[in-house]
Amino acid sequence: MRYHASWRSWRLLPLTLLLSGCVSSMGPSSWESGYRQVDEPAGNDAEALRRAIAPNSCRVSPGQAGIVPLPPGCANDLNLQAMVERPSDLLYGREMGPARGAPVAAAARERLEDRERANSRRIQLESEARGSASRSVTTGDL
């Protein structure tokens, strides 16, 4: 019986080792999100504006030279900057238009409030369908 108890404790060892790998001494990463204009655009095209905007997270210390590792979040912000339709949206944004869900909500409300009318219409259509099926001519009637 003693052998069985020690075997059970050895079975828990891999689980314990696996869970201990989840512990990290690093704290949560935080970086400044957003973009800033670093230069005047050399033209009116989107590419010139893209070159004149830089992510806040990509700032490096003035003393760093040579190969500088990217700070946390810089690569994500650079990729987002490359994907936007209008680079000026990164600096100022756009005015939001009307909500697109309003027509759907109005249709749902009307459907819920007029359920009785919809049920009577369904019954009428079903009776018309039954009536037309009984009046149909089959090849056996010829």
C-alpha atoms as a PDB file:
ATOM      1  CA  MET A   1       0.000   0.000   0.000  1.00  0.00           C
ATOM      2  CA  ARG A   2       2.905   2.346   0.701  1.00  0.00           C
ATOM      3  CA  TYR A   3       4.153   1.829  -2.848  1.00  0.00           C
ATOM      4  CA  HIS A   4       0.784   2.970  -4.208  1.00  0.00           C
ATOM      5  CA  ALA A   5       0.868   6.259  -2.224  1.00  0.00           C
ATOM      6  CA  SER A   6       4.368   7.204  -3.443  1.00  0.00           C
ATOM      7  CA  TRP A   7       3.377   6.370  -7.022  1.00  0.00           C
ATOM      8  CA  ARG A   8       0.474   8.788  -6.716  1.00  0.00           C
ATOM      9  CA  SER A   9       2.785  11.630  -5.606  1.00  0.00           C
ATOM     10  CA  TRP A  10       5.107  10.962  -8.563  1.00  0.00           C
ATOM     11  CA  ARG A  11       2.135  11.265 -10.919  1.00  0.00           C
ATOM     12  CA  LEU A  12       1.577  14.840  -9.690  1.00  0.00           C
ATOM     13  CA  LEU A  13       5.174  15.893 -10.364  1.00  0.00           C
ATOM     14  CA  PRO A  14       4.729  16.588 -14.130  1.00  0.00           C
ATOM     15  CA  LEU A  15       1.630  18.659 -13.412  1.00  0.00           C
ATOM     16  CA  THR A  16       3.494  20.642 -10.777  1.00  0.00           C
ATOM     17  CA  LEU A  17       6.397  21.281 -13.142  1.00  0.00           C
ATOM     18  CA  LEU A  18       4.058  22.305 -15.915  1.00  0.00           C
ATOM     19  CA  LEU A  19       2.230  24.817 -13.721  1.00  0.00           C
ATOM     20  CA  SER A  20       5.465  26.244 -12.330  1.00  0.00           C
ATOM     21  CA  GLY A  21       6.395  27.275 -15.884  1.00  0.00           C
ATOM     22  CA  CYS A  22       3.439  29.675 -15.895  1.00  0.00           C
ATOM     23  CA  VAL A  23       4.920  31.823 -13.140  1.00  0.00           C
ATOM     24  CA  SER A  24       6.811  34.833 -14.459  1.00  0.00           C
ATOM     25  CA  SER A  25       8.906  37.442 -12.746  1.00  0.00           C
ATOM     26  CA  MET A  26       8.040  39.950 -15.488  1.00  0.00           C
ATOM     27  CA  GLY A  27       5.220  42.311 -14.690  1.00  0.00           C
ATOM     28  CA  PRO A  28       2.542  43.398 -17.116  1.00  0.00           C
ATOM     29  CA  SER A  29       3.872  45.318 -20.105  1.00  0.00           C
ATOM     30  CA  SER A  30       2.568  48.794 -20.651  1.00  0.00           C
ATOM     31  CA  TRP A  31       3.384  51.235 -23.386  1.00  0.00           C
ATOM     32  CA  GLU A  32       2.056  54.486 -24.683  1.00  0.00           C
ATOM     33  CA  SER A  33      -0.347  53.931 -27.532  1.00  0.00           C
ATOM     34  CA  GLY A  34      -1.108  56.460 -30.219  1.00  0.00           C
ATOM     35  CA  TYR A  35       0.688  58.314 -32.986  1.00  0.00           C
ATOM     36  CA  ARG A  36       2.390  61.659 -33.443  1.00  0.00           C
ATOM     37  CA  GLN A  37       3.384  63.738 -36.432  1.00  0.00           C
ATOM     38  CA  VAL A  38       7.187  63.875 -36.559  1.00  0.00           C
ATOM     39  CA  ASP A  39       7.616  65.799 -39.810  1.00  0.00           C
ATOM     40  CA  GLU A  40       5.652  67.783 -42.370  1.00  0.00           C
ATOM     41  CA  PRO A  41       4.424  65.542 -45.215  1.00  0.00           C
ATOM     42  CA  ALA A  42       6.500  65.920 -48.383  1.00  0.00           C
ATOM     43  CA  GLY A  43       3.329  65.755 -50.503  1.00  0.00           C
ATOM     44  CA  ASN A  44      -0.424  65.225 -50.367  1.00  0.00           C
ATOM     45  CA  ASP A  45      -0.394  61.484 -50.962  1.00  0.00           C
ATOM     46  CA  ALA A  46      -1.009  58.871 -48.294  1.00  0.00           C
ATOM     47  CA  GLU A  47       2.546  57.505 -48.439  1.00  0.00           C
ATOM     48  CA  ALA A  48       4.068  60.910 -47.640  1.00  0.00           C
ATOM     49  CA  LEU A  49       1.716  61.274 -44.671  1.00  0.00           C
ATOM     50  CA  ARG A  50       2.613  57.736 -43.505  1.00  0.00           C
ATOM     51  CA  ARG A  51       6.298  58.682 -43.418  1.00  0.00           C
ATOM     52  CA  ALA A  52       5.503  61.836 -41.430  1.00  0.00           C
ATOM     53  CA  ILE A  53       3.620  59.915 -38.684  1.00  0.00           C
ATOM     54  CA  ALA A  54       5.308  57.725 -36.065  1.00  0.00           C
ATOM     55  CA  PRO A  55       3.882  55.540 -33.305  1.00  0.00           C
ATOM     56  CA  ASN A  56       4.467  56.800 -29.765  1.00  0.00           C
ATOM     57  CA  SER A  57       5.581  53.315 -28.754  1.00  0.00           C
ATOM     58  CA  CYS A  58       8.561  53.422 -31.161  1.00  0.00           C
ATOM     59  CA  ARG A  59      10.454  56.162 -29.336  1.00  0.00           C
ATOM     60  CA  VAL A  60      14.012  55.183 -28.456  1.00  0.00           C
ATOM     61  CA  SER A  61      16.354  56.746 -25.953  1.00  0.00           C
ATOM     62  CA  PRO A  62      18.582  59.494 -27.386  1.00  0.00           C
ATOM     63  CA  GLY A  63      21.770  57.654 -26.344  1.00  0.00           C
ATOM     64  CA  GLN A  64      20.972  54.462 -28.274  1.00  0.00           C
ATOM     65  CA  ALA A  65      22.836  53.894 -31.536  1.00  0.00           C
ATOM     66  CA  GLY A  66      23.415  51.016 -33.922  1.00  0.00           C
ATOM     67  CA  ILE A  67      20.928  48.145 -33.912  1.00  0.00           C
ATOM     68  CA  VAL A  68      18.171  49.143 -31.508  1.00  0.00           C
ATOM     69  CA  PRO A  69      15.574  46.536 -30.462  1.00  0.00           C
ATOM     70  CA  LEU A  70      11.996  47.643 -30.947  1.00  0.00           C
ATOM     71  CA  PRO A  71      10.201  48.586 -27.724  1.00  0.00           C
ATOM     72  CA  PRO A  72       7.105  46.544 -26.771  1.00  0.00           C
ATOM     73  CA  GLY A  73       4.098  47.431 -28.910  1.00  0.00           C
ATOM     74  CA  CYS A  74       6.101  49.215 -31.611  1.00  0.00           C
ATOM     75  CA  ALA A  75       5.755  46.458 -34.230  1.00  0.00           C
ATOM     76  CA  ASN A  76       1.982  46.252 -33.655  1.00  0.00           C
ATOM     77  CA  ASP A  77       1.589  50.013 -34.031  1.00  0.00           C
ATOM     78  CA  LEU A  78       3.747  50.063 -37.185  1.00  0.00           C
ATOM     79  CA  ASN A  79       1.647  47.268 -38.723  1.00  0.00           C
ATOM     80  CA  LEU A  80      -1.580  49.118 -37.875  1.00  0.00           C
ATOM     81  CA  GLN A  81      -0.153  52.272 -39.431  1.00  0.00           C
ATOM     82  CA  ALA A  82       0.590  50.352 -42.646  1.00  0.00           C
ATOM     83  CA  MET A  83      -2.969  48.955 -42.799  1.00  0.00           C
ATOM     84  CA  VAL A  84      -5.124  52.046 -42.262  1.00  0.00           C
ATOM     85  CA  GLU A  85      -7.011  53.487 -45.214  1.00  0.00           C
ATOM     86  CA  ARG A  86      -6.287  57.102 -44.347  1.00  0.00           C
ATOM     87  CA  PRO A  87      -3.143  57.792 -42.276  1.00  0.00           C
ATOM     88  CA  SER A  88      -4.638  61.062 -41.013  1.00  0.00           C
ATOM     89  CA  ASP A  89      -7.181  58.959 -39.068  1.00  0.00           C
ATOM     90  CA  LEU A  90      -4.335  57.945 -36.747  1.00  0.00           C
ATOM     91  CA  LEU A  91      -3.898  61.552 -35.670  1.00  0.00           C
ATOM     92  CA  TYR A  92      -7.443  62.942 -35.699  1.00  0.00           C
ATOM     93  CA  GLY A  93      -9.994  60.208 -36.381  1.00  0.00           C
ATOM     94  CA  ARG A  94     -13.313  60.611 -38.218  1.00  0.00           C
ATOM     95  CA  GLU A  95     -16.747  61.797 -37.227  1.00  0.00           C
ATOM     96  CA  MET A  96     -19.034  58.829 -36.567  1.00  0.00           C
ATOM     97  CA  GLY A  97     -22.130  58.513 -38.727  1.00  0.00           C
ATOM     98  CA  PRO A  98     -25.580  57.319 -37.701  1.00  0.00           C
ATOM     99  CA  ALA A  99     -25.926  53.925 -36.100  1.00  0.00           C
ATOM    100  CA  ARG A 100     -26.465  51.156 -38.630  1.00  0.00           C
ATOM    101  CA  GLY A 101     -28.452  49.063 -36.208  1.00  0.00           C
ATOM    102  CA  ALA A 102     -31.406  51.465 -36.052  1.00  0.00           C
ATOM    103  CA  PRO A 103     -33.321  49.996 -39.058  1.00  0.00           C
ATOM    104  CA  VAL A 104     -32.824  46.448 -37.775  1.00  0.00           C
ATOM    105  CA  ALA A 105     -34.011  47.416 -34.287  1.00  0.00           C
ATOM    106  CA  ALA A 106     -37.086  49.153 -35.750  1.00  0.00           C
ATOM    107  CA  ALA A 107     -37.931  46.063 -37.835  1.00  0.00           C
ATOM    108  CA  ALA A 108     -37.538  43.787 -34.808  1.00  0.00           C
ATOM    109  CA  ARG A 109     -39.729  46.056 -32.673  1.00  0.00           C
ATOM    110  CA  GLU A 110     -42.424  46.141 -35.358  1.00  0.00           C
ATOM    111  CA  ARG A 111     -42.292  42.371 -35.705  1.00  0.00           C
ATOM    112  CA  LEU A 112     -42.640  41.816 -31.969  1.00  0.00           C
ATOM    113  CA  GLU A 113     -45.485  44.320 -31.607  1.00  0.00           C
ATOM    114  CA  ASP A 114     -47.394  43.070 -34.648  1.00  0.00           C
ATOM    115  CA  ARG A 115     -47.086  39.379 -33.923  1.00  0.00           C
ATOM    116  CA  GLU A 116     -50.864  38.890 -33.933  1.00  0.00           C
ATOM    117  CA  ARG A 117     -51.179  40.459 -37.399  1.00  0.00           C
ATOM    118  CA  ALA A 118     -48.300  38.297 -38.646  1.00  0.00           C
ATOM    119  CA  ASN A 119     -49.936  35.125 -37.264  1.00  0.00           C
ATOM    120  CA  SER A 120     -53.260  35.913 -38.987  1.00  0.00           C
ATOM    121  CA  ARG A 121     -51.397  36.553 -42.265  1.00  0.00           C
ATOM    122  CA  ARG A 122     -49.594  33.201 -41.903  1.00  0.00           C
ATOM    123  CA  ILE A 123     -52.893  31.378 -41.321  1.00  0.00           C
ATOM    124  CA  GLN A 124     -54.399  33.068 -44.393  1.00  0.00           C
ATOM    125  CA  LEU A 125     -51.441  32.058 -46.573  1.00  0.00           C
ATOM    126  CA  GLU A 126     -51.562  28.481 -45.322  1.00  0.00           C
ATOM    127  CA  SER A 127     -55.282  28.218 -46.116  1.00  0.00           C
ATOM    128  CA  GLU A 128     -54.712  29.653 -49.592  1.00  0.00           C
ATOM    129  CA  ALA A 129     -51.927  27.128 -50.164  1.00  0.00           C
ATOM    130  CA  ARG A 130     -54.178  24.246 -49.063  1.00  0.00           C
ATOM    131  CA  GLY A 131     -56.967  25.496 -51.329  1.00  0.00           C
ATOM    132  CA  SER A 132     -54.715  25.761 -54.363  1.00  0.00           C
ATOM    133  CA  ALA A 133     -53.294  22.283 -53.736  1.00  0.00           C
ATOM    134  CA  SER A 134     -56.777  20.750 -53.749  1.00  0.00           C
ATOM    135  CA  ARG A 135     -57.640  22.467 -57.043  1.00  0.00           C
ATOM    136  CA  SER A 136     -54.498  21.291 -58.850  1.00  0.00           C
ATOM    137  CA  VAL A 137     -54.880  18.838 -61.704  1.00  0.00           C
ATOM    138  CA  THR A 138     -52.819  15.680 -61.758  1.00  0.00           C
ATOM    139  CA  THR A 139     -51.935  13.496 -64.744  1.00  0.00           C
ATOM    140  CA  GLY A 140     -54.376  10.850 -63.484  1.00  0.00           C
ATOM    141  CA  ASP A 141     -57.253  13.319 -64.067  1.00  0.00           C
ATOM    142  CA  LEU A 142     -56.539  13.550 -67.821  1.00  0.00           C
END
